[in-house]
């Protein structure tokens, strides 16, 4: 497969921004998904769509263009509810099960780019996608949620009046085999730091999904620990959540730009210990939470130095080629490649620039120095 650069080395009016990558491994092929947009708009993310690329070695990528685009308001394909995805499409996750592809994504309307919902597109070949007219999951479903801890979904946030309902990430429970869809939402709270982790459950990957009480966010930790300090939860919003089951616990990772973190909390932990690239780390014994900090400073060591945002992990097979071909070696240490985007110049990090090393004692992100690795 010929190499094809899909990430501009610099950001200019002549190039399009690229951000929020995620990957699906399908046999010997890697399917990359990421967001593309325009520069002649304010805010810069006002209009966006989902793009794709493919690779057989995770180094050289063949660009295949736009995978999903907003459905224009005047489109003859627009049904009675299709206006909800007429403005922008944004980050999600992709899966394959029983020969079918499932692309979970976020969307907002052209009339109100701050009102978000979650959609699902399916495909038999990973090329042609079919979408439903109605969202898979929206805030309208929150009215039926019973919140035992008194914390529920708030709709539009108090800071910017933005209805955060995005970045779906699906996990199959090792205990129940059910599917849990995690997403970003604003929760009921008295101040502007309302960012939380929503969750919904389904028996099948395609749904229907039933909304559950939030799994992490303001007030939840306080209720559990009988604390009253609001600074215990300092995030205006969560972005690109990822939940991984490892060593008997569920681990939540997410990003949040430093400008959207409570200054009172930064003063507690030391503002020098947190940056725009910091990847936050929370844990839970149950898949539905509640997720609580891994430590007093709940961050993944090494993440702050990467220059990335929306950092996530992807497990590549460990390969040792011998006379019998590829051999997978068991180890107490798990190495994962790190995905993300350089928020200074809107360039994707998809060429194994960084790895995450996870042992029973620690997790850390480190830079890779291999000279044969090709930066896209």
Protein backbone atom coordinates (compact mmCIF):
# COMPACT_ATOMS: atom_id res chain seq x y z
CA UNK A 1 0.00 0.00 0.00
CA UNK A 2 1.49 3.30 -1.03
CA UNK A 3 2.09 5.93 1.61
CA UNK A 4 -0.23 8.89 1.52
CA UNK A 5 0.08 11.77 3.97
CA UNK A 6 -3.31 12.65 5.40
CA UNK A 7 -2.10 15.18 7.96
CA UNK A 8 -0.84 18.64 7.04
CA UNK A 9 2.54 19.45 8.53
CA UNK A 10 1.39 23.02 9.17
CA UNK A 11 -2.01 24.58 9.62
CA UNK A 12 -2.87 27.30 7.12
CA UNK A 13 -5.89 28.57 5.18
CA UNK A 14 -4.83 26.30 2.34
CA UNK A 15 -5.01 23.14 4.47
CA UNK A 16 -7.83 21.53 6.37
CA UNK A 17 -7.58 20.76 10.08
CA UNK A 18 -7.44 17.08 11.09
CA UNK A 19 -8.27 15.95 14.60
CA UNK A 20 -9.69 13.21 16.89
CA UNK A 21 -8.44 9.96 15.29
CA UNK A 22 -9.62 6.46 16.21
CA UNK A 23 -8.82 3.04 14.72
CA UNK A 24 -10.56 -0.28 14.01
CA UNK A 25 -8.51 -3.42 13.36
CA UNK A 26 -10.23 -5.65 10.82
CA UNK A 27 -8.22 -8.78 10.09
CA UNK A 28 -4.95 -7.59 8.57
CA UNK A 29 -6.32 -4.12 7.79
CA UNK A 30 -6.42 -1.05 10.01
CA UNK A 31 -9.28 1.39 9.44
CA UNK A 32 -8.53 4.92 10.58
CA UNK A 33 -11.28 7.44 11.22
CA UNK A 34 -10.72 11.11 12.02
CA UNK A 35 -12.40 14.48 11.74
CA UNK A 36 -11.93 17.03 8.99
CA UNK A 37 -13.20 20.58 8.78
CA UNK A 38 -12.73 24.06 7.40
CA UNK A 39 -10.67 27.07 8.41
CA UNK A 40 -12.94 29.85 7.15
CA UNK A 41 -15.41 29.71 10.02
CA UNK A 42 -15.82 30.74 13.64
CA UNK A 43 -15.56 28.63 15.69
CA UNK A 44 -13.19 26.50 13.67
CA UNK A 45 -15.17 23.33 14.53
CA UNK A 46 -18.50 24.83 13.37
CA UNK A 47 -18.62 22.46 10.40
CA UNK A 48 -16.96 19.05 10.43
CA UNK A 49 -17.20 15.57 8.96
CA UNK A 50 -15.72 12.08 9.40
CA UNK A 51 -12.86 10.98 7.13
CA UNK A 52 -11.14 7.65 6.71
CA UNK A 53 -7.90 5.93 5.73
CA UNK A 54 -6.60 2.36 5.58
CA UNK A 55 -3.30 0.66 6.27
CA UNK A 56 -1.87 -2.83 6.43
CA UNK A 57 1.14 -1.91 8.60
CA UNK A 58 -0.06 1.02 10.76
CA UNK A 59 2.65 3.21 9.21
CA UNK A 60 1.55 3.98 5.66
CA UNK A 61 -2.01 5.14 5.15
CA UNK A 62 -4.18 5.28 2.05
CA UNK A 63 -6.53 8.24 2.25
CA UNK A 64 -10.12 7.42 1.22
CA UNK A 65 -11.75 10.80 1.80
CA UNK A 66 -14.97 11.59 3.62
CA UNK A 67 -16.81 8.67 5.18
CA UNK A 68 -19.80 10.51 6.66
CA UNK A 69 -20.88 14.11 6.08
CA UNK A 70 -23.61 16.28 7.58
CA UNK A 71 -26.96 15.89 5.87
CA UNK A 72 -27.84 19.36 4.49
CA UNK A 73 -31.07 20.89 5.71
CA UNK A 74 -32.40 21.07 2.14
CA UNK A 75 -31.42 17.50 1.26
CA UNK A 76 -34.08 15.29 -0.27
CA UNK A 77 -32.66 12.54 1.97
CA UNK A 78 -33.71 14.46 5.05
CA UNK A 79 -36.52 12.83 6.98
CA UNK A 80 -38.63 14.54 9.64
CA UNK A 81 -35.84 14.26 12.23
CA UNK A 82 -32.70 14.50 10.08
CA UNK A 83 -32.01 18.15 10.94
CA UNK A 84 -30.17 17.00 14.08
CA UNK A 85 -27.09 16.10 11.99
CA UNK A 86 -27.22 18.87 9.39
CA UNK A 87 -24.40 20.99 10.85
CA UNK A 88 -21.45 18.92 11.97
CA UNK A 89 -20.39 15.33 12.63
CA UNK A 90 -17.71 14.62 15.17
CA UNK A 91 -15.85 12.01 17.17
CA UNK A 92 -16.98 8.52 17.99
CA UNK A 93 -15.81 4.91 17.73
CA UNK A 94 -16.10 2.01 15.27
CA UNK A 95 -16.62 -1.73 15.75
CA UNK A 96 -17.14 -4.89 13.72
CA UNK A 97 -19.33 -7.75 14.89
CA UNK A 98 -20.78 -10.74 13.03
CA UNK A 99 -19.58 -9.39 9.68
CA UNK A 100 -21.11 -5.93 10.06
CA UNK A 101 -19.54 -2.55 10.81
CA UNK A 102 -20.89 -0.12 13.40
CA UNK A 103 -19.85 3.53 13.43
CA UNK A 104 -21.00 5.49 16.49
CA UNK A 105 -20.65 9.25 16.06
CA UNK A 106 -21.73 12.63 17.42
CA UNK A 107 -23.72 15.25 15.54
CA UNK A 108 -25.29 18.69 15.82
CA UNK A 109 -27.65 20.70 13.65
CA UNK A 110 -26.78 23.60 11.37
CA UNK A 111 -29.31 25.78 13.22
CA UNK A 112 -27.83 25.03 16.66
CA UNK A 113 -24.29 23.62 16.62
CA UNK A 114 -24.31 23.49 20.43
CA UNK A 115 -27.15 20.96 20.64
CA UNK A 116 -25.57 17.55 20.30
CA UNK A 117 -26.79 13.96 19.93
CA UNK A 118 -25.33 10.54 19.19
CA UNK A 119 -25.93 8.62 15.99
CA UNK A 120 -25.14 5.20 14.55
CA UNK A 121 -24.24 4.23 10.99
CA UNK A 122 -23.93 0.60 9.90
CA UNK A 123 -22.29 -1.02 6.89
CA UNK A 124 -21.90 -4.43 5.33
CA UNK A 125 -18.57 -3.58 3.68
CA UNK A 126 -17.13 -0.67 5.70
CA UNK A 127 -17.53 1.63 2.68
CA UNK A 128 -21.23 2.32 2.19
CA UNK A 129 -22.95 3.45 5.38
CA UNK A 130 -26.62 3.59 6.34
CA UNK A 131 -27.89 6.02 8.98
CA UNK A 132 -31.12 6.24 10.93
CA UNK A 133 -33.23 9.37 10.73
CA UNK A 134 -33.41 9.68 14.51
CA UNK A 135 -30.49 9.84 16.98
CA UNK A 136 -29.42 6.64 18.69
CA UNK A 137 -29.15 8.55 21.99
CA UNK A 138 -30.20 12.08 22.89
CA UNK A 139 -30.93 14.22 25.93
CA UNK A 140 -34.65 13.64 25.44
CA UNK A 141 -34.15 10.18 26.96
CA UNK A 142 -32.78 11.64 30.21
CA UNK A 143 -36.26 12.34 31.60
CA UNK A 144 -36.69 8.64 32.38
CA UNK A 145 -33.41 8.23 34.32
CA UNK A 146 -33.62 7.62 38.07
CA UNK A 147 -30.47 9.00 39.73
CA UNK A 148 -29.91 7.27 43.11
CA UNK A 149 -27.10 9.66 44.07
CA UNK A 150 -29.15 12.72 43.16
CA UNK A 151 -26.93 13.56 40.18
CA UNK A 152 -28.48 13.42 36.73
CA UNK A 153 -28.18 14.84 33.22
CA UNK A 154 -28.48 18.63 33.05
CA UNK A 155 -28.91 19.34 29.36
CA UNK A 156 -27.28 22.66 28.52
CA UNK A 157 -24.35 23.66 30.71
CA UNK A 158 -24.27 26.82 32.81
CA UNK A 159 -20.98 28.14 31.41
CA UNK A 160 -21.68 28.31 27.66
CA UNK A 161 -25.24 26.98 27.24
CA UNK A 162 -23.77 24.06 25.28
CA UNK A 163 -25.65 20.75 25.32
CA UNK A 164 -22.72 18.33 25.58
CA UNK A 165 -23.82 14.89 24.36
CA UNK A 166 -20.97 13.43 22.36
CA UNK A 167 -17.88 11.24 21.82
CA UNK A 168 -19.50 7.78 22.15
CA UNK A 169 -17.24 4.90 23.18
CA UNK A 170 -18.70 1.39 23.47
CA UNK A 171 -17.42 -1.40 25.74
CA UNK A 172 -18.71 -4.95 26.08
CA UNK A 173 -18.85 -6.07 29.71
CA UNK A 174 -16.72 -9.10 30.53
CA UNK A 175 -19.28 -10.11 33.16
CA UNK A 176 -22.65 -9.59 31.46
CA UNK A 177 -21.66 -9.47 27.76
CA UNK A 178 -23.92 -6.45 27.43
CA UNK A 179 -22.78 -3.31 25.59
CA UNK A 180 -22.19 -0.06 27.47
CA UNK A 181 -22.04 3.21 25.55
CA UNK A 182 -20.07 5.94 27.34
CA UNK A 183 -20.36 9.56 26.28
CA UNK A 184 -19.71 13.13 27.45
CA UNK A 185 -22.54 15.13 29.02
CA UNK A 186 -23.21 18.01 31.41
CA UNK A 187 -24.59 16.98 34.81
CA UNK A 188 -26.74 18.71 37.39
CA UNK A 189 -24.51 20.91 39.54
CA UNK A 190 -24.41 24.40 41.00
CA UNK A 191 -21.36 25.74 39.19
CA UNK A 192 -19.83 25.80 35.73
CA UNK A 193 -17.74 22.62 36.13
CA UNK A 194 -20.48 20.22 35.11
CA UNK A 195 -18.63 17.85 32.80
CA UNK A 196 -19.61 14.23 33.32
CA UNK A 197 -19.59 10.73 31.91
CA UNK A 198 -22.90 9.39 30.69
CA UNK A 199 -23.60 5.73 30.08
CA UNK A 200 -26.28 3.65 28.36
CA UNK A 201 -26.69 -0.12 28.04
CA UNK A 202 -27.94 -2.48 25.32
CA UNK A 203 -28.13 -6.22 24.73
CA UNK A 204 -26.98 -5.80 21.15
CA UNK A 205 -24.31 -3.57 19.67
CA UNK A 206 -26.84 -1.75 17.47
CA UNK A 207 -29.14 -1.12 20.43
CA UNK A 208 -31.64 0.05 21.49
CA UNK A 209 -29.67 1.70 24.31
CA UNK A 210 -31.25 2.44 27.68
CA UNK A 211 -29.84 5.48 29.45
CA UNK A 212 -28.42 4.83 32.94
CA UNK A 213 -27.43 7.28 35.71
CA UNK A 214 -24.12 9.10 35.07
CA UNK A 215 -20.96 7.12 35.80
CA UNK A 216 -18.69 10.04 36.77
CA UNK A 217 -18.98 13.75 37.31
CA UNK A 218 -19.68 16.56 39.78
CA UNK A 219 -21.42 15.52 42.98
CA UNK A 220 -20.99 11.78 42.48
CA UNK A 221 -17.66 11.53 44.26
CA UNK A 222 -18.83 13.92 46.97
CA UNK A 223 -21.89 11.78 47.62
CA UNK A 224 -19.75 8.67 47.98
CA UNK A 225 -17.13 10.21 50.25
CA UNK A 226 -19.45 12.62 52.12
CA UNK A 227 -17.23 15.48 51.04
CA UNK A 228 -18.63 18.92 50.20
CA UNK A 229 -15.69 20.49 48.38
CA UNK A 230 -16.85 21.30 44.84
CA UNK A 231 -13.27 21.40 43.59
CA UNK A 232 -13.12 17.60 43.86
CA UNK A 233 -14.60 17.58 40.34
CA UNK A 234 -12.92 20.30 38.30
CA UNK A 235 -13.90 19.70 34.65
CA UNK A 236 -16.15 21.91 32.52
CA UNK A 237 -16.47 18.99 30.13
CA UNK A 238 -14.92 15.64 29.31
CA UNK A 239 -13.69 14.88 25.80
CA UNK A 240 -12.87 11.61 24.03
CA UNK A 241 -13.56 9.24 26.95
CA UNK A 242 -12.12 5.73 26.75
CA UNK A 243 -12.92 2.91 29.18
CA UNK A 244 -10.53 -0.06 29.38
CA UNK A 245 -10.88 -3.19 31.52
CA UNK A 246 -7.47 -4.09 32.92
CA UNK A 247 -6.23 -5.90 36.01
CA UNK A 248 -9.74 -6.47 37.30
CA UNK A 249 -10.93 -2.84 37.17
CA UNK A 250 -12.43 -0.43 34.67
CA UNK A 251 -10.18 2.52 33.81
CA UNK A 252 -11.56 5.79 32.43
CA UNK A 253 -9.32 8.14 30.43
CA UNK A 254 -10.36 11.53 29.06
CA UNK A 255 -9.04 14.94 27.99
CA UNK A 256 -9.91 18.51 28.97
CA UNK A 257 -8.06 21.66 27.92
CA UNK A 258 -6.49 23.41 30.90
CA UNK A 259 -8.57 26.56 30.36
CA UNK A 260 -11.64 24.46 31.17
CA UNK A 261 -10.29 23.07 34.46
CA UNK A 262 -11.25 24.68 37.78
CA UNK A 263 -8.41 27.03 38.89
CA UNK A 264 -9.12 26.14 42.53
CA UNK A 265 -8.32 22.49 41.78
CA UNK A 266 -5.22 23.46 39.81
CA UNK A 267 -3.99 25.37 42.86
CA UNK A 268 -4.41 22.22 44.94
CA UNK A 269 -2.50 19.88 42.61
CA UNK A 270 -0.02 22.42 41.24
CA UNK A 271 -0.78 24.13 37.92
CA UNK A 272 2.61 23.06 36.58
CA UNK A 273 1.48 19.42 36.82
CA UNK A 274 -1.39 19.85 34.35
CA UNK A 275 -1.38 20.98 30.72
CA UNK A 276 -3.53 20.91 27.60
CA UNK A 277 -2.14 17.47 26.75
CA UNK A 278 -2.80 15.92 30.16
CA UNK A 279 -4.73 12.65 30.00
CA UNK A 280 -6.90 12.19 33.08
CA UNK A 281 -7.31 8.78 34.75
CA UNK A 282 -10.21 7.52 36.89
CA UNK A 283 -11.11 3.96 37.96
CA UNK A 284 -14.14 1.91 39.00
CA UNK A 285 -14.83 -1.64 40.16
CA UNK A 286 -18.04 -1.82 38.12
CA UNK A 287 -18.48 -0.90 34.48
CA UNK A 288 -21.23 1.60 35.32
CA UNK A 289 -19.05 3.36 37.89
CA UNK A 290 -18.86 5.39 39.90
CA UNK A 291 -15.41 6.33 38.57
CA UNK A 292 -13.10 7.97 41.10
CA UNK A 293 -9.55 9.39 40.79
CA UNK A 294 -6.70 6.90 40.50
CA UNK A 295 -4.62 9.19 42.75
CA UNK A 296 -4.59 12.69 44.24
CA UNK A 297 -3.25 13.80 40.86
CA UNK A 298 -5.28 11.55 38.52
CA UNK A 299 -3.21 11.87 35.35
CA UNK A 300 -1.28 9.46 33.15
CA UNK A 301 2.44 10.17 33.60
CA UNK A 302 4.10 11.31 30.40
CA UNK A 303 0.89 12.54 28.77
CA UNK A 304 1.55 16.20 29.45
CA UNK A 305 4.77 16.13 27.39
CA UNK A 306 3.29 14.67 24.19
CA UNK A 307 1.71 17.84 22.78
CA UNK A 308 -1.38 15.76 21.93
CA UNK A 309 -5.04 16.22 22.70
CA UNK A 310 -7.84 13.66 22.72
CA UNK A 311 -5.27 11.00 23.58
CA UNK A 312 -6.40 7.38 23.40
CA UNK A 313 -4.80 3.94 23.44
CA UNK A 314 -4.84 1.24 20.77
CA UNK A 315 -3.40 -2.25 21.28
CA UNK A 316 -1.25 -3.44 18.42
CA UNK A 317 -0.36 -7.14 18.25
CA UNK A 318 3.12 -7.88 19.58
CA UNK A 319 5.01 -9.55 16.77
CA UNK A 320 8.03 -11.84 16.95
CA UNK A 321 8.70 -13.38 13.57
CA UNK A 322 10.36 -16.81 13.57
CA UNK A 323 10.20 -20.01 11.59
CA UNK A 324 6.52 -20.44 12.48
CA UNK A 325 5.54 -16.88 11.57
CA UNK A 326 3.99 -14.43 14.00
CA UNK A 327 4.12 -15.42 17.66
CA UNK A 328 2.32 -13.57 20.45
CA UNK A 329 4.34 -13.45 23.65
CA UNK A 330 2.51 -13.27 26.99
CA UNK A 331 3.82 -10.61 29.34
CA UNK A 332 2.87 -8.81 32.51
CA UNK A 333 3.51 -5.56 30.64
CA UNK A 334 1.08 -4.34 27.98
CA UNK A 335 2.31 -1.94 25.31
CA UNK A 336 -0.24 0.18 23.47
CA UNK A 337 0.24 2.72 20.73
CA UNK A 338 -0.96 6.24 21.49
CA UNK A 339 -3.35 8.10 19.19
CA UNK A 340 -4.26 11.77 19.27
CA UNK A 341 -3.78 15.06 17.47
CA UNK A 342 -1.32 17.92 17.85
CA UNK A 343 -3.57 20.77 18.93
CA UNK A 344 -0.98 23.40 17.97
CA UNK A 345 -1.09 22.57 14.24
CA UNK A 346 -4.04 20.18 13.78
CA UNK A 347 -1.89 17.24 12.72
CA UNK A 348 -2.74 13.63 13.52
CA UNK A 349 -0.48 11.45 15.67
CA UNK A 350 -1.04 8.05 14.06
CA UNK A 351 2.48 6.84 13.28
CA UNK A 352 3.37 5.30 16.66
CA UNK A 353 5.14 8.43 17.85
CA UNK A 354 4.26 7.43 21.43
CA UNK A 355 3.57 4.24 23.34
CA UNK A 356 1.82 3.56 26.61
CA UNK A 357 3.49 0.97 28.84
CA UNK A 358 1.09 -0.58 31.34
CA UNK A 359 2.41 -2.89 34.06
CA UNK A 360 0.72 -4.10 37.27
CA UNK A 361 2.55 -1.27 39.05
CA UNK A 362 2.30 1.67 36.65
CA UNK A 363 1.10 3.23 33.41
CA UNK A 364 3.22 5.72 31.51
CA UNK A 365 3.36 7.30 28.06
CA UNK A 366 6.80 7.36 26.44
CA UNK A 367 8.15 8.73 23.17
CA UNK A 368 9.26 6.28 20.50
CA UNK A 369 12.57 7.01 18.82
CA UNK A 370 12.58 4.31 16.13
CA UNK A 371 14.06 5.82 12.98
CA UNK A 372 11.88 3.69 10.69
CA UNK A 373 8.64 5.09 12.05
CA UNK A 374 6.96 7.39 9.58
CA UNK A 375 5.23 10.50 10.96
CA UNK A 376 2.07 11.31 9.05
